[in-house]
Amino acid sequence: KTMVIKSPPQRNLSFEAPLVHKTCEFYKIIYLCSGRLPKRDRFSLFLKIEQICLEVIGLSLTASLEKRLNKSPYLSKARIQIETLKRLVRIAFELDIIDSKKYLKFELSLQEMSKMSTNWLNSLNKEIP
């Protein structure tokens, strides 16, 4: 038998908000980093970081697909979860689970995600009559 290699399907970016994209990119970095950690750290703190990151992806994707009036609750929850991620990443750094280089990289991404969610939420609140 011959093996047929299929190319991945083209992504439909018409509904993908920048926050969704940024969070997916952040998740990939976290995922790759967690594989290099000791089991204790990987299956405790980093597992929680991964779970929250996946939740932010779901919340921001839902917000991008919802009608304008229904977006705010999802974005508010995503913003809270991003702040939780910031705190957990800081704890990982303070416990020497990640080095300062990784911490700064993670923190920059999280700050950008936080700004994106806050700006998106503010833009929705300004335009409601």
C-alpha atoms as a PDB file:
ATOM      1  CA  LYS A   1       0.000   0.000   0.000  1.00  0.00           C
ATOM      2  CA  THR A   2       1.096   3.516  -0.675  1.00  0.00           C
ATOM      3  CA  MET A   3       0.706   6.150   1.942  1.00  0.00           C
ATOM      4  CA  VAL A   4      -1.148   9.285   0.915  1.00  0.00           C
ATOM      5  CA  ILE A   5      -0.033  12.417   2.699  1.00  0.00           C
ATOM      6  CA  LYS A   6      -2.785  14.931   3.093  1.00  0.00           C
ATOM      7  CA  SER A   7      -2.116  18.585   3.587  1.00  0.00           C
ATOM      8  CA  PRO A   8      -3.899  20.269   6.491  1.00  0.00           C
ATOM      9  CA  PRO A   9      -7.142  22.028   5.639  1.00  0.00           C
ATOM     10  CA  GLN A  10      -6.992  25.754   5.051  1.00  0.00           C
ATOM     11  CA  ARG A  11      -7.935  27.775   8.121  1.00  0.00           C
ATOM     12  CA  ASN A  12     -10.964  30.010   7.923  1.00  0.00           C
ATOM     13  CA  LEU A  13      -9.657  33.257   9.382  1.00  0.00           C
ATOM     14  CA  SER A  14     -12.814  35.251   8.688  1.00  0.00           C
ATOM     15  CA  PHE A  15     -13.996  34.767  12.279  1.00  0.00           C
ATOM     16  CA  GLU A  16     -10.657  34.455  14.054  1.00  0.00           C
ATOM     17  CA  ALA A  17     -10.017  37.504  16.203  1.00  0.00           C
ATOM     18  CA  PRO A  18      -6.437  38.575  16.966  1.00  0.00           C
ATOM     19  CA  LEU A  19      -6.934  37.491  20.588  1.00  0.00           C
ATOM     20  CA  VAL A  20      -7.773  33.953  19.453  1.00  0.00           C
ATOM     21  CA  HIS A  21      -4.650  33.818  17.320  1.00  0.00           C
ATOM     22  CA  LYS A  22      -2.397  35.256  20.036  1.00  0.00           C
ATOM     23  CA  THR A  23      -3.765  32.848  22.654  1.00  0.00           C
ATOM     24  CA  CYS A  24      -3.246  29.863  20.339  1.00  0.00           C
ATOM     25  CA  GLU A  25       0.351  30.949  19.759  1.00  0.00           C
ATOM     26  CA  PHE A  26       0.862  31.333  23.518  1.00  0.00           C
ATOM     27  CA  TYR A  27      -0.581  27.862  24.123  1.00  0.00           C
ATOM     28  CA  LYS A  28       1.872  26.339  21.633  1.00  0.00           C
ATOM     29  CA  ILE A  29       4.794  27.917  23.477  1.00  0.00           C
ATOM     30  CA  ILE A  30       3.492  26.734  26.864  1.00  0.00           C
ATOM     31  CA  TYR A  31       2.840  23.242  25.516  1.00  0.00           C
ATOM     32  CA  LEU A  32       6.359  22.881  24.101  1.00  0.00           C
ATOM     33  CA  CYS A  33       7.902  24.226  27.304  1.00  0.00           C
ATOM     34  CA  SER A  34       5.939  21.894  29.572  1.00  0.00           C
ATOM     35  CA  GLY A  35       7.367  18.785  27.890  1.00  0.00           C
ATOM     36  CA  ARG A  36      10.813  19.711  29.165  1.00  0.00           C
ATOM     37  CA  LEU A  37       9.749  20.085  32.785  1.00  0.00           C
ATOM     38  CA  PRO A  38       9.925  17.516  35.572  1.00  0.00           C
ATOM     39  CA  LYS A  39       6.709  15.526  36.029  1.00  0.00           C
ATOM     40  CA  ARG A  40       5.885  17.239  39.301  1.00  0.00           C
ATOM     41  CA  ASP A  41       5.823  20.681  37.666  1.00  0.00           C
ATOM     42  CA  ARG A  42       4.341  19.520  34.368  1.00  0.00           C
ATOM     43  CA  PHE A  43       1.364  17.771  35.954  1.00  0.00           C
ATOM     44  CA  SER A  44       0.587  20.386  38.572  1.00  0.00           C
ATOM     45  CA  LEU A  45       1.179  24.071  37.885  1.00  0.00           C
ATOM     46  CA  PHE A  46       1.806  23.809  34.147  1.00  0.00           C
ATOM     47  CA  LEU A  47      -1.204  21.567  33.648  1.00  0.00           C
ATOM     48  CA  LYS A  48      -3.346  24.272  35.221  1.00  0.00           C
ATOM     49  CA  ILE A  49      -1.707  26.921  33.023  1.00  0.00           C
ATOM     50  CA  GLU A  50      -2.458  24.830  29.934  1.00  0.00           C
ATOM     51  CA  GLN A  51      -6.070  24.265  31.002  1.00  0.00           C
ATOM     52  CA  ILE A  52      -6.694  27.950  31.613  1.00  0.00           C
ATOM     53  CA  CYS A  53      -5.049  28.821  28.306  1.00  0.00           C
ATOM     54  CA  LEU A  54      -7.386  26.404  26.497  1.00  0.00           C
ATOM     55  CA  GLU A  55     -10.314  27.990  28.305  1.00  0.00           C
ATOM     56  CA  VAL A  56      -9.223  31.457  27.119  1.00  0.00           C
ATOM     57  CA  ILE A  57      -9.071  30.115  23.550  1.00  0.00           C
ATOM     58  CA  GLY A  58     -12.624  28.809  23.917  1.00  0.00           C
ATOM     59  CA  LEU A  59     -13.941  32.016  25.472  1.00  0.00           C
ATOM     60  CA  SER A  60     -12.325  34.304  22.909  1.00  0.00           C
ATOM     61  CA  LEU A  61     -13.397  32.083  20.014  1.00  0.00           C
ATOM     62  CA  THR A  62     -16.958  32.056  21.357  1.00  0.00           C
ATOM     63  CA  ALA A  63     -16.875  35.853  21.670  1.00  0.00           C
ATOM     64  CA  SER A  64     -15.673  36.171  18.087  1.00  0.00           C
ATOM     65  CA  LEU A  65     -18.596  34.066  16.855  1.00  0.00           C
ATOM     66  CA  GLU A  66     -21.314  35.583  19.054  1.00  0.00           C
ATOM     67  CA  LYS A  67     -23.514  38.505  18.166  1.00  0.00           C
ATOM     68  CA  ARG A  68     -22.211  41.871  19.300  1.00  0.00           C
ATOM     69  CA  LEU A  69     -24.530  42.154  22.305  1.00  0.00           C
ATOM     70  CA  ASN A  70     -23.505  38.715  23.624  1.00  0.00           C
ATOM     71  CA  LYS A  71     -19.709  39.114  23.431  1.00  0.00           C
ATOM     72  CA  SER A  72     -19.054  40.973  26.715  1.00  0.00           C
ATOM     73  CA  PRO A  73     -19.560  38.116  29.210  1.00  0.00           C
ATOM     74  CA  TYR A  74     -17.143  35.866  27.309  1.00  0.00           C
ATOM     75  CA  LEU A  75     -14.527  38.593  27.033  1.00  0.00           C
ATOM     76  CA  SER A  76     -14.858  39.477  30.713  1.00  0.00           C
ATOM     77  CA  LYS A  77     -14.260  35.849  31.671  1.00  0.00           C
ATOM     78  CA  ALA A  78     -11.337  35.624  29.245  1.00  0.00           C
ATOM     79  CA  ARG A  79      -9.800  38.764  30.749  1.00  0.00           C
ATOM     80  CA  ILE A  80     -10.039  37.302  34.257  1.00  0.00           C
ATOM     81  CA  GLN A  81      -8.469  34.045  33.079  1.00  0.00           C
ATOM     82  CA  ILE A  82      -5.619  35.932  31.395  1.00  0.00           C
ATOM     83  CA  GLU A  83      -4.926  37.712  34.697  1.00  0.00           C
ATOM     84  CA  THR A  84      -4.942  34.307  36.402  1.00  0.00           C
ATOM     85  CA  LEU A  85      -2.420  33.068  33.831  1.00  0.00           C
ATOM     86  CA  LYS A  86      -0.174  36.035  34.601  1.00  0.00           C
ATOM     87  CA  ARG A  87      -0.221  35.157  38.283  1.00  0.00           C
ATOM     88  CA  LEU A  88       0.458  31.446  37.690  1.00  0.00           C
ATOM     89  CA  VAL A  89       3.356  32.204  35.332  1.00  0.00           C
ATOM     90  CA  ARG A  90       4.820  34.519  37.955  1.00  0.00           C
ATOM     91  CA  ILE A  91       4.527  31.739  40.550  1.00  0.00           C
ATOM     92  CA  ALA A  92       6.288  29.346  38.156  1.00  0.00           C
ATOM     93  CA  PHE A  93       9.132  31.855  37.856  1.00  0.00           C
ATOM     94  CA  GLU A  94       9.312  32.442  41.617  1.00  0.00           C
ATOM     95  CA  LEU A  95       9.530  28.672  42.193  1.00  0.00           C
ATOM     96  CA  ASP A  96      12.348  28.428  39.616  1.00  0.00           C
ATOM     97  CA  ILE A  97      10.240  26.206  37.371  1.00  0.00           C
ATOM     98  CA  ILE A  98      10.945  28.542  34.456  1.00  0.00           C
ATOM     99  CA  ASP A  99      13.963  30.782  33.943  1.00  0.00           C
ATOM    100  CA  SER A 100      13.878  34.558  33.542  1.00  0.00           C
ATOM    101  CA  LYS A 101      14.128  34.362  29.732  1.00  0.00           C
ATOM    102  CA  LYS A 102      11.001  32.181  29.466  1.00  0.00           C
ATOM    103  CA  TYR A 103       9.238  34.254  32.108  1.00  0.00           C
ATOM    104  CA  LEU A 104       9.786  37.472  30.154  1.00  0.00           C
ATOM    105  CA  LYS A 105       8.637  35.814  26.926  1.00  0.00           C
ATOM    106  CA  PHE A 106       5.482  34.475  28.589  1.00  0.00           C
ATOM    107  CA  GLU A 107       4.794  37.749  30.365  1.00  0.00           C
ATOM    108  CA  LEU A 108       5.082  39.805  27.165  1.00  0.00           C
ATOM    109  CA  SER A 109       2.579  37.537  25.430  1.00  0.00           C
ATOM    110  CA  LEU A 110       0.219  37.667  28.396  1.00  0.00           C
ATOM    111  CA  GLN A 111       0.415  41.457  28.559  1.00  0.00           C
ATOM    112  CA  GLU A 112      -0.448  41.665  24.890  1.00  0.00           C
ATOM    113  CA  MET A 113      -3.354  39.232  25.358  1.00  0.00           C
ATOM    114  CA  SER A 114      -4.576  41.298  28.310  1.00  0.00           C
ATOM    115  CA  LYS A 115      -4.482  44.513  26.269  1.00  0.00           C
ATOM    116  CA  MET A 116      -6.299  42.830  23.396  1.00  0.00           C
ATOM    117  CA  SER A 117      -9.108  41.546  25.608  1.00  0.00           C
ATOM    118  CA  THR A 118      -9.443  44.863  27.460  1.00  0.00           C
ATOM    119  CA  ASN A 119      -9.477  46.903  24.248  1.00  0.00           C
ATOM    120  CA  TRP A 120     -12.004  44.564  22.641  1.00  0.00           C
ATOM    121  CA  LEU A 121     -14.238  44.794  25.706  1.00  0.00           C
ATOM    122  CA  ASN A 122     -13.890  48.588  25.860  1.00  0.00           C
ATOM    123  CA  SER A 123     -14.760  48.921  22.179  1.00  0.00           C
ATOM    124  CA  LEU A 124     -17.943  46.920  22.763  1.00  0.00           C
ATOM    125  CA  ASN A 125     -18.917  48.986  25.780  1.00  0.00           C
ATOM    126  CA  LYS A 126     -18.361  52.301  23.945  1.00  0.00           C
ATOM    127  CA  GLU A 127     -20.570  51.364  21.039  1.00  0.00           C
ATOM    128  CA  ILE A 128     -23.579  50.241  23.065  1.00  0.00           C
ATOM    129  CA  PRO A 129     -26.166  53.068  23.038  1.00  0.00           C
END
